[in-house]
């Protein structure tokens, strides 16, 4: 989990610890890099908008929820009557000195059925959290990543052509040496070359920037995201963690079909 005090340092350097009075607005200066790994700008992020401090209990609750909701709950095993194979008696009843057996599908034989086969066709493991709690957990997970200097913000993740080598060079320039979550724009045409370049790299997972969750972020060491996509996520529906989420929800379609 994140360590308190490290605030958005440069690549390979711990963040600068800043002790400020409680209640004072704290802002993080997150470096923005180009595709060659050079710092070209700085993105200013309000820590309070991400929760202020890392709430490990909240993050864990959301992580467990996202993990549990991936389960189908459809596990099922076969008993001895459902296993495919011959029902022929494997040897005669008497005279062999061995135990009495019929076919080979009994549980004690390799390849046989289960003695107590699972019969559930659909078991529900679904967990839920209030929307505002879930959003706070996702934003707090981003804060934990920023505190640990595990976020790489790129000015533009667009590529002229789909080429895996180009994306590998980008990760090398950003000093991403472990697993990475690459958050791309929802615009398929704009991010097509980047997605094709990164999809075959070991340890790299792609996702849409508007679908960032604490589960995805914490399952990877680094988060690589474009500046435009990060700003959109910070100012989008995930930013509504108060009453405005009900009064004026963002992203909801109007009666005419247009998004708000």
C-alpha atoms as a PDB file:
ATOM      1  CA  UNK A   1       0.000   0.000   0.000  1.00  0.00           C
ATOM      2  CA  UNK A   2       1.055   3.598  -0.389  1.00  0.00           C
ATOM      3  CA  UNK A   3       3.514   5.381   1.872  1.00  0.00           C
ATOM      4  CA  UNK A   4       2.456   8.728   3.328  1.00  0.00           C
ATOM      5  CA  UNK A   5       4.582  11.720   2.475  1.00  0.00           C
ATOM      6  CA  UNK A   6       5.914  10.999  -1.029  1.00  0.00           C
ATOM      7  CA  UNK A   7       4.280  13.456  -3.385  1.00  0.00           C
ATOM      8  CA  UNK A   8       4.607  13.003  -7.154  1.00  0.00           C
ATOM      9  CA  UNK A   9       8.379  12.876  -7.729  1.00  0.00           C
ATOM     10  CA  UNK A  10      10.295  12.580 -10.971  1.00  0.00           C
ATOM     11  CA  UNK A  11      11.038   9.253 -12.651  1.00  0.00           C
ATOM     12  CA  UNK A  12      13.204   7.120 -10.426  1.00  0.00           C
ATOM     13  CA  UNK A  13      13.111   9.647  -7.567  1.00  0.00           C
ATOM     14  CA  UNK A  14      10.999   9.603  -4.409  1.00  0.00           C
ATOM     15  CA  UNK A  15       8.504  12.408  -4.090  1.00  0.00           C
ATOM     16  CA  UNK A  16       9.226  15.404  -1.902  1.00  0.00           C
ATOM     17  CA  UNK A  17       7.691  15.129   1.555  1.00  0.00           C
ATOM     18  CA  UNK A  18       5.595  18.150   2.421  1.00  0.00           C
ATOM     19  CA  UNK A  19       4.173  18.651   5.867  1.00  0.00           C
ATOM     20  CA  UNK A  20       1.376  21.210   5.936  1.00  0.00           C
ATOM     21  CA  UNK A  21      -1.199  22.250   8.463  1.00  0.00           C
ATOM     22  CA  UNK A  22      -4.304  20.139   8.654  1.00  0.00           C
ATOM     23  CA  UNK A  23      -7.126  21.517   6.533  1.00  0.00           C
ATOM     24  CA  UNK A  24      -4.797  23.409   4.170  1.00  0.00           C
ATOM     25  CA  UNK A  25      -5.293  22.651   0.500  1.00  0.00           C
ATOM     26  CA  UNK A  26      -2.404  20.534  -0.773  1.00  0.00           C
ATOM     27  CA  UNK A  27      -1.614  20.200  -4.433  1.00  0.00           C
ATOM     28  CA  UNK A  28       0.618  17.727  -6.239  1.00  0.00           C
ATOM     29  CA  UNK A  29       2.831  18.642  -9.167  1.00  0.00           C
ATOM     30  CA  UNK A  30       2.813  15.576 -11.404  1.00  0.00           C
ATOM     31  CA  UNK A  31       5.396  15.622 -14.210  1.00  0.00           C
ATOM     32  CA  UNK A  32       4.198  15.111 -17.782  1.00  0.00           C
ATOM     33  CA  UNK A  33       6.509  13.335 -20.219  1.00  0.00           C
ATOM     34  CA  UNK A  34       6.746  13.017 -23.962  1.00  0.00           C
ATOM     35  CA  UNK A  35       7.234   9.724 -25.781  1.00  0.00           C
ATOM     36  CA  UNK A  36      11.029  10.058 -25.364  1.00  0.00           C
ATOM     37  CA  UNK A  37      10.803  10.216 -21.573  1.00  0.00           C
ATOM     38  CA  UNK A  38      11.618  13.934 -21.315  1.00  0.00           C
ATOM     39  CA  UNK A  39       9.621  16.075 -18.895  1.00  0.00           C
ATOM     40  CA  UNK A  40       7.747  18.682 -20.895  1.00  0.00           C
ATOM     41  CA  UNK A  41       5.144  20.002 -18.463  1.00  0.00           C
ATOM     42  CA  UNK A  42       3.615  19.653 -15.005  1.00  0.00           C
ATOM     43  CA  UNK A  43       0.066  18.686 -14.088  1.00  0.00           C
ATOM     44  CA  UNK A  44      -1.287  20.239 -10.891  1.00  0.00           C
ATOM     45  CA  UNK A  45      -3.669  17.953  -8.963  1.00  0.00           C
ATOM     46  CA  UNK A  46      -5.570  18.790  -5.788  1.00  0.00           C
ATOM     47  CA  UNK A  47      -4.908  16.079  -3.199  1.00  0.00           C
ATOM     48  CA  UNK A  48      -8.199  16.748  -1.443  1.00  0.00           C
ATOM     49  CA  UNK A  49     -10.099  15.861  -4.595  1.00  0.00           C
ATOM     50  CA  UNK A  50      -8.498  12.411  -4.350  1.00  0.00           C
ATOM     51  CA  UNK A  51      -9.257  11.985  -0.664  1.00  0.00           C
ATOM     52  CA  UNK A  52      -6.375  13.868   0.952  1.00  0.00           C
ATOM     53  CA  UNK A  53      -4.872  10.778   2.601  1.00  0.00           C
ATOM     54  CA  UNK A  54      -4.784   7.128   1.585  1.00  0.00           C
ATOM     55  CA  UNK A  55      -7.738   5.231   3.077  1.00  0.00           C
ATOM     56  CA  UNK A  56      -6.577   1.618   2.985  1.00  0.00           C
ATOM     57  CA  UNK A  57      -9.819   0.217   4.420  1.00  0.00           C
ATOM     58  CA  UNK A  58     -11.957   1.910   1.761  1.00  0.00           C
ATOM     59  CA  UNK A  59      -9.658   0.785  -1.053  1.00  0.00           C
ATOM     60  CA  UNK A  60      -9.699  -2.803   0.190  1.00  0.00           C
ATOM     61  CA  UNK A  61     -13.500  -2.848   0.399  1.00  0.00           C
ATOM     62  CA  UNK A  62     -13.780  -1.697  -3.211  1.00  0.00           C
ATOM     63  CA  UNK A  63     -11.039  -4.092  -4.340  1.00  0.00           C
ATOM     64  CA  UNK A  64     -12.845  -7.075  -2.777  1.00  0.00           C
ATOM     65  CA  UNK A  65     -16.091  -5.973  -4.440  1.00  0.00           C
ATOM     66  CA  UNK A  66     -14.559  -5.698  -7.925  1.00  0.00           C
ATOM     67  CA  UNK A  67     -12.813  -9.050  -7.461  1.00  0.00           C
ATOM     68  CA  UNK A  68     -15.935 -10.853  -6.271  1.00  0.00           C
ATOM     69  CA  UNK A  69     -18.020  -9.470  -9.132  1.00  0.00           C
ATOM     70  CA  UNK A  70     -15.725 -11.158 -11.648  1.00  0.00           C
ATOM     71  CA  UNK A  71     -16.900 -14.589 -10.474  1.00  0.00           C
ATOM     72  CA  UNK A  72     -19.508 -16.297 -12.615  1.00  0.00           C
ATOM     73  CA  UNK A  73     -20.682 -18.609  -9.858  1.00  0.00           C
ATOM     74  CA  UNK A  74     -21.373 -21.345 -12.401  1.00  0.00           C
ATOM     75  CA  UNK A  75     -18.973 -24.047 -11.184  1.00  0.00           C
ATOM     76  CA  UNK A  76     -20.277 -27.557 -11.766  1.00  0.00           C
ATOM     77  CA  UNK A  77     -18.647 -30.988 -11.595  1.00  0.00           C
ATOM     78  CA  UNK A  78     -19.698 -34.438 -12.841  1.00  0.00           C
ATOM     79  CA  UNK A  79     -20.645 -37.436 -10.763  1.00  0.00           C
ATOM     80  CA  UNK A  80     -19.861 -41.017 -11.779  1.00  0.00           C
ATOM     81  CA  UNK A  81     -22.947 -41.256 -13.978  1.00  0.00           C
ATOM     82  CA  UNK A  82     -22.112 -38.106 -15.968  1.00  0.00           C
ATOM     83  CA  UNK A  83     -18.499 -38.997 -16.743  1.00  0.00           C
ATOM     84  CA  UNK A  84     -18.097 -40.154 -20.320  1.00  0.00           C
ATOM     85  CA  UNK A  85     -16.811 -43.694 -20.738  1.00  0.00           C
ATOM     86  CA  UNK A  86     -17.693 -47.365 -20.810  1.00  0.00           C
ATOM     87  CA  UNK A  87     -19.866 -48.921 -18.114  1.00  0.00           C
ATOM     88  CA  UNK A  88     -18.285 -52.345 -18.635  1.00  0.00           C
ATOM     89  CA  UNK A  89     -17.205 -54.215 -15.510  1.00  0.00           C
ATOM     90  CA  UNK A  90     -13.405 -53.924 -15.407  1.00  0.00           C
ATOM     91  CA  UNK A  91     -12.814 -57.530 -14.199  1.00  0.00           C
ATOM     92  CA  UNK A  92     -14.811 -60.453 -12.891  1.00  0.00           C
ATOM     93  CA  UNK A  93     -16.451 -60.356  -9.505  1.00  0.00           C
ATOM     94  CA  UNK A  94     -14.590 -63.264  -7.873  1.00  0.00           C
ATOM     95  CA  UNK A  95     -11.285 -65.039  -8.100  1.00  0.00           C
ATOM     96  CA  UNK A  96      -8.910 -62.078  -8.579  1.00  0.00           C
ATOM     97  CA  UNK A  97      -8.207 -61.301  -4.949  1.00  0.00           C
ATOM     98  CA  UNK A  98      -8.891 -57.627  -5.619  1.00  0.00           C
ATOM     99  CA  UNK A  99     -11.702 -55.414  -4.462  1.00  0.00           C
ATOM    100  CA  UNK A 100     -15.069 -55.720  -6.172  1.00  0.00           C
ATOM    101  CA  UNK A 101     -15.601 -53.056  -8.864  1.00  0.00           C
ATOM    102  CA  UNK A 102     -17.941 -52.285 -11.678  1.00  0.00           C
ATOM    103  CA  UNK A 103     -16.868 -49.594 -14.182  1.00  0.00           C
ATOM    104  CA  UNK A 104     -13.891 -47.237 -14.013  1.00  0.00           C
ATOM    105  CA  UNK A 105     -15.928 -44.084 -13.324  1.00  0.00           C
ATOM    106  CA  UNK A 106     -16.067 -44.421  -9.534  1.00  0.00           C
ATOM    107  CA  UNK A 107     -14.567 -41.537  -7.501  1.00  0.00           C
ATOM    108  CA  UNK A 108     -11.531 -43.478  -6.235  1.00  0.00           C
ATOM    109  CA  UNK A 109     -10.226 -44.033  -9.789  1.00  0.00           C
ATOM    110  CA  UNK A 110      -8.315 -41.423 -11.725  1.00  0.00           C
ATOM    111  CA  UNK A 111     -10.645 -39.811 -14.234  1.00  0.00           C
ATOM    112  CA  UNK A 112     -13.701 -40.892 -12.278  1.00  0.00           C
ATOM    113  CA  UNK A 113     -16.573 -38.716 -11.142  1.00  0.00           C
ATOM    114  CA  UNK A 114     -16.767 -36.604  -8.001  1.00  0.00           C
ATOM    115  CA  UNK A 115     -18.281 -38.236  -4.943  1.00  0.00           C
ATOM    116  CA  UNK A 116     -20.167 -35.049  -4.025  1.00  0.00           C
ATOM    117  CA  UNK A 117     -20.505 -33.258  -7.333  1.00  0.00           C
ATOM    118  CA  UNK A 118     -21.309 -29.544  -7.372  1.00  0.00           C
ATOM    119  CA  UNK A 119     -24.837 -29.019  -8.610  1.00  0.00           C
ATOM    120  CA  UNK A 120     -25.258 -25.263  -8.515  1.00  0.00           C
ATOM    121  CA  UNK A 121     -25.907 -23.886 -11.967  1.00  0.00           C
ATOM    122  CA  UNK A 122     -25.577 -20.245 -10.875  1.00  0.00           C
ATOM    123  CA  UNK A 123     -24.339 -19.021  -7.514  1.00  0.00           C
ATOM    124  CA  UNK A 124     -24.386 -15.322  -6.794  1.00  0.00           C
ATOM    125  CA  UNK A 125     -21.173 -13.824  -5.406  1.00  0.00           C
ATOM    126  CA  UNK A 126     -22.139 -10.263  -6.317  1.00  0.00           C
ATOM    127  CA  UNK A 127     -21.161  -7.488  -3.904  1.00  0.00           C
ATOM    128  CA  UNK A 128     -22.146  -3.844  -4.089  1.00  0.00           C
ATOM    129  CA  UNK A 129     -21.029  -0.465  -2.777  1.00  0.00           C
ATOM    130  CA  UNK A 130     -22.700   2.940  -2.872  1.00  0.00           C
ATOM    131  CA  UNK A 131     -21.696   4.817  -6.000  1.00  0.00           C
ATOM    132  CA  UNK A 132     -20.051   7.679  -4.137  1.00  0.00           C
ATOM    133  CA  UNK A 133     -18.031   5.283  -1.962  1.00  0.00           C
ATOM    134  CA  UNK A 134     -16.881   3.403  -5.038  1.00  0.00           C
ATOM    135  CA  UNK A 135     -15.801   6.614  -6.735  1.00  0.00           C
ATOM    136  CA  UNK A 136     -13.925   7.767  -3.636  1.00  0.00           C
ATOM    137  CA  UNK A 137     -12.113   4.430  -3.486  1.00  0.00           C
ATOM    138  CA  UNK A 138     -11.070   4.654  -7.139  1.00  0.00           C
ATOM    139  CA  UNK A 139      -9.797   8.211  -6.735  1.00  0.00           C
ATOM    140  CA  UNK A 140      -8.040   7.297  -3.492  1.00  0.00           C
ATOM    141  CA  UNK A 141      -6.278   4.421  -5.270  1.00  0.00           C
ATOM    142  CA  UNK A 142      -4.966   6.948  -7.798  1.00  0.00           C
ATOM    143  CA  UNK A 143      -3.686   9.045  -4.895  1.00  0.00           C
ATOM    144  CA  UNK A 144      -1.866   5.991  -3.534  1.00  0.00           C
ATOM    145  CA  UNK A 145      -0.235   5.491  -6.935  1.00  0.00           C
ATOM    146  CA  UNK A 146       0.786   9.140  -7.126  1.00  0.00           C
ATOM    147  CA  UNK A 147       2.229   9.057  -3.614  1.00  0.00           C
ATOM    148  CA  UNK A 148       4.342   6.030  -4.550  1.00  0.00           C
ATOM    149  CA  UNK A 149       5.473   7.657  -7.829  1.00  0.00           C
ATOM    150  CA  UNK A 150       3.886   4.898  -9.903  1.00  0.00           C
ATOM    151  CA  UNK A 151       1.955   7.064 -12.380  1.00  0.00           C
ATOM    152  CA  UNK A 152       3.424   8.057 -15.733  1.00  0.00           C
ATOM    153  CA  UNK A 153       1.531  10.855 -17.458  1.00  0.00           C
ATOM    154  CA  UNK A 154       2.304  11.239 -21.162  1.00  0.00           C
ATOM    155  CA  UNK A 155       1.452  14.364 -23.127  1.00  0.00           C
ATOM    156  CA  UNK A 156       0.069  12.309 -26.016  1.00  0.00           C
ATOM    157  CA  UNK A 157      -0.187   8.537 -26.430  1.00  0.00           C
ATOM    158  CA  UNK A 158      -0.869   8.731 -30.167  1.00  0.00           C
ATOM    159  CA  UNK A 159       1.329   6.739 -32.586  1.00  0.00           C
ATOM    160  CA  UNK A 160       1.774   7.285 -36.297  1.00  0.00           C
ATOM    161  CA  UNK A 161       1.620   3.549 -36.990  1.00  0.00           C
ATOM    162  CA  UNK A 162       0.942   0.380 -34.992  1.00  0.00           C
ATOM    163  CA  UNK A 163       4.374  -0.862 -33.963  1.00  0.00           C
ATOM    164  CA  UNK A 164       5.157  -2.875 -30.829  1.00  0.00           C
ATOM    165  CA  UNK A 165       8.774  -1.711 -30.753  1.00  0.00           C
ATOM    166  CA  UNK A 166       7.649   1.909 -30.496  1.00  0.00           C
ATOM    167  CA  UNK A 167       5.563   1.181 -27.419  1.00  0.00           C
ATOM    168  CA  UNK A 168       8.337  -0.894 -25.813  1.00  0.00           C
ATOM    169  CA  UNK A 169      10.721   2.043 -26.324  1.00  0.00           C
ATOM    170  CA  UNK A 170       8.148   4.344 -24.710  1.00  0.00           C
ATOM    171  CA  UNK A 171       7.927   2.142 -21.623  1.00  0.00           C
ATOM    172  CA  UNK A 172      11.712   1.991 -21.451  1.00  0.00           C
ATOM    173  CA  UNK A 173      11.996   5.785 -21.667  1.00  0.00           C
ATOM    174  CA  UNK A 174       9.449   6.115 -18.850  1.00  0.00           C
ATOM    175  CA  UNK A 175      11.424   3.534 -16.794  1.00  0.00           C
ATOM    176  CA  UNK A 176       8.442   1.218 -16.546  1.00  0.00           C
ATOM    177  CA  UNK A 177      10.160  -2.038 -15.624  1.00  0.00           C
ATOM    178  CA  UNK A 178       7.244  -3.909 -14.060  1.00  0.00           C
ATOM    179  CA  UNK A 179       3.618  -4.618 -14.946  1.00  0.00           C
ATOM    180  CA  UNK A 180       1.757  -1.629 -16.310  1.00  0.00           C
ATOM    181  CA  UNK A 181      -1.849  -0.595 -16.833  1.00  0.00           C
ATOM    182  CA  UNK A 182      -2.189   1.571 -19.937  1.00  0.00           C
ATOM    183  CA  UNK A 183      -5.316   3.712 -19.931  1.00  0.00           C
ATOM    184  CA  UNK A 184      -6.346   4.825 -23.414  1.00  0.00           C
ATOM    185  CA  UNK A 185      -9.011   7.160 -24.685  1.00  0.00           C
ATOM    186  CA  UNK A 186     -12.478   5.853 -25.473  1.00  0.00           C
ATOM    187  CA  UNK A 187     -12.058   7.187 -29.021  1.00  0.00           C
ATOM    188  CA  UNK A 188     -11.139   4.014 -30.917  1.00  0.00           C
ATOM    189  CA  UNK A 189      -9.916   5.749 -34.033  1.00  0.00           C
ATOM    190  CA  UNK A 190      -7.624   8.068 -32.098  1.00  0.00           C
ATOM    191  CA  UNK A 191      -6.110   5.304 -29.954  1.00  0.00           C
ATOM    192  CA  UNK A 192      -6.173   2.498 -32.502  1.00  0.00           C
ATOM    193  CA  UNK A 193      -2.424   2.523 -33.215  1.00  0.00           C
ATOM    194  CA  UNK A 194      -1.531   2.732 -29.520  1.00  0.00           C
ATOM    195  CA  UNK A 195      -3.823  -0.187 -28.676  1.00  0.00           C
ATOM    196  CA  UNK A 196      -2.416  -2.339 -31.485  1.00  0.00           C
ATOM    197  CA  UNK A 197       1.130  -1.483 -30.437  1.00  0.00           C
ATOM    198  CA  UNK A 198       0.659  -2.399 -26.760  1.00  0.00           C
ATOM    199  CA  UNK A 199      -1.713  -5.361 -26.851  1.00  0.00           C
ATOM    200  CA  UNK A 200       1.007  -7.994 -27.386  1.00  0.00           C
ATOM    201  CA  UNK A 201       3.466  -6.813 -24.721  1.00  0.00           C
ATOM    202  CA  UNK A 202       3.935  -9.083 -21.719  1.00  0.00           C
ATOM    203  CA  UNK A 203       2.889  -7.464 -18.450  1.00  0.00           C
ATOM    204  CA  UNK A 204       0.903  -4.676 -20.134  1.00  0.00           C
ATOM    205  CA  UNK A 205      -2.880  -4.449 -19.765  1.00  0.00           C
ATOM    206  CA  UNK A 206      -5.074  -2.044 -21.717  1.00  0.00           C
ATOM    207  CA  UNK A 207      -8.231  -0.365 -20.486  1.00  0.00           C
ATOM    208  CA  UNK A 208     -10.362   2.653 -21.271  1.00  0.00           C
ATOM    209  CA  UNK A 209      -9.501   5.726 -19.242  1.00  0.00           C
ATOM    210  CA  UNK A 210     -13.128   6.250 -18.225  1.00  0.00           C
ATOM    211  CA  UNK A 211     -13.181   2.736 -16.748  1.00  0.00           C
ATOM    212  CA  UNK A 212     -10.252   3.087 -14.338  1.00  0.00           C
ATOM    213  CA  UNK A 213     -10.899   1.262 -11.073  1.00  0.00           C
ATOM    214  CA  UNK A 214      -8.860   0.605  -7.960  1.00  0.00           C
ATOM    215  CA  UNK A 215      -8.879  -3.101  -8.879  1.00  0.00           C
ATOM    216  CA  UNK A 216      -7.113  -2.471 -12.183  1.00  0.00           C
ATOM    217  CA  UNK A 217      -4.702   0.086 -10.761  1.00  0.00           C
ATOM    218  CA  UNK A 218      -3.628  -1.990  -7.767  1.00  0.00           C
ATOM    219  CA  UNK A 219      -3.147  -5.120  -9.884  1.00  0.00           C
ATOM    220  CA  UNK A 220      -0.323  -3.364 -11.742  1.00  0.00           C
ATOM    221  CA  UNK A 221       2.798  -1.591 -10.558  1.00  0.00           C
ATOM    222  CA  UNK A 222       2.542   1.374 -12.917  1.00  0.00           C
ATOM    223  CA  UNK A 223      -0.240   3.390 -14.492  1.00  0.00           C
ATOM    224  CA  UNK A 224       0.512   4.931 -17.892  1.00  0.00           C
ATOM    225  CA  UNK A 225      -2.065   7.450 -19.037  1.00  0.00           C
ATOM    226  CA  UNK A 226      -2.291  10.432 -21.361  1.00  0.00           C
ATOM    227  CA  UNK A 227      -2.656  13.909 -19.924  1.00  0.00           C
ATOM    228  CA  UNK A 228      -5.943  14.551 -21.680  1.00  0.00           C
ATOM    229  CA  UNK A 229      -7.385  11.228 -20.485  1.00  0.00           C
ATOM    230  CA  UNK A 230      -6.285  11.824 -16.879  1.00  0.00           C
ATOM    231  CA  UNK A 231      -7.788  15.301 -16.786  1.00  0.00           C
ATOM    232  CA  UNK A 232     -11.007  13.961 -18.293  1.00  0.00           C
ATOM    233  CA  UNK A 233     -11.198  11.230 -15.642  1.00  0.00           C
ATOM    234  CA  UNK A 234     -10.464  13.637 -12.794  1.00  0.00           C
ATOM    235  CA  UNK A 235     -13.148  16.085 -13.947  1.00  0.00           C
ATOM    236  CA  UNK A 236     -15.666  13.507 -15.182  1.00  0.00           C
ATOM    237  CA  UNK A 237     -18.382  11.523 -13.348  1.00  0.00           C
ATOM    238  CA  UNK A 238     -15.795  10.043 -10.952  1.00  0.00           C
ATOM    239  CA  UNK A 239     -15.336  13.539  -9.483  1.00  0.00           C
ATOM    240  CA  UNK A 240     -18.906  13.573  -8.182  1.00  0.00           C
ATOM    241  CA  UNK A 241     -18.483  12.108  -4.715  1.00  0.00           C
ATOM    242  CA  UNK A 242     -20.971  14.408  -2.985  1.00  0.00           C
ATOM    243  CA  UNK A 243     -24.596  15.478  -3.308  1.00  0.00           C
ATOM    244  CA  UNK A 244     -24.039  16.683  -6.861  1.00  0.00           C
ATOM    245  CA  UNK A 245     -23.953  13.027  -7.942  1.00  0.00           C
ATOM    246  CA  UNK A 246     -27.719  12.910  -7.384  1.00  0.00           C
ATOM    247  CA  UNK A 247     -28.670  16.506  -8.096  1.00  0.00           C
ATOM    248  CA  UNK A 248     -26.725  16.983 -11.351  1.00  0.00           C
ATOM    249  CA  UNK A 249     -25.210  13.633 -12.405  1.00  0.00           C
ATOM    250  CA  UNK A 250     -22.604  13.847 -15.141  1.00  0.00           C
ATOM    251  CA  UNK A 251     -22.569  11.496 -18.110  1.00  0.00           C
ATOM    252  CA  UNK A 252     -26.284  10.734 -17.992  1.00  0.00           C
ATOM    253  CA  UNK A 253     -28.136  11.031 -21.283  1.00  0.00           C
ATOM    254  CA  UNK A 254     -30.852  13.618 -21.627  1.00  0.00           C
ATOM    255  CA  UNK A 255     -34.360  12.827 -22.848  1.00  0.00           C
ATOM    256  CA  UNK A 256     -33.272  13.699 -26.391  1.00  0.00           C
ATOM    257  CA  UNK A 257     -30.432  11.217 -26.267  1.00  0.00           C
ATOM    258  CA  UNK A 258     -27.541  13.654 -25.813  1.00  0.00           C
ATOM    259  CA  UNK A 259     -25.125  13.195 -22.930  1.00  0.00           C
ATOM    260  CA  UNK A 260     -24.994  15.894 -20.274  1.00  0.00           C
END
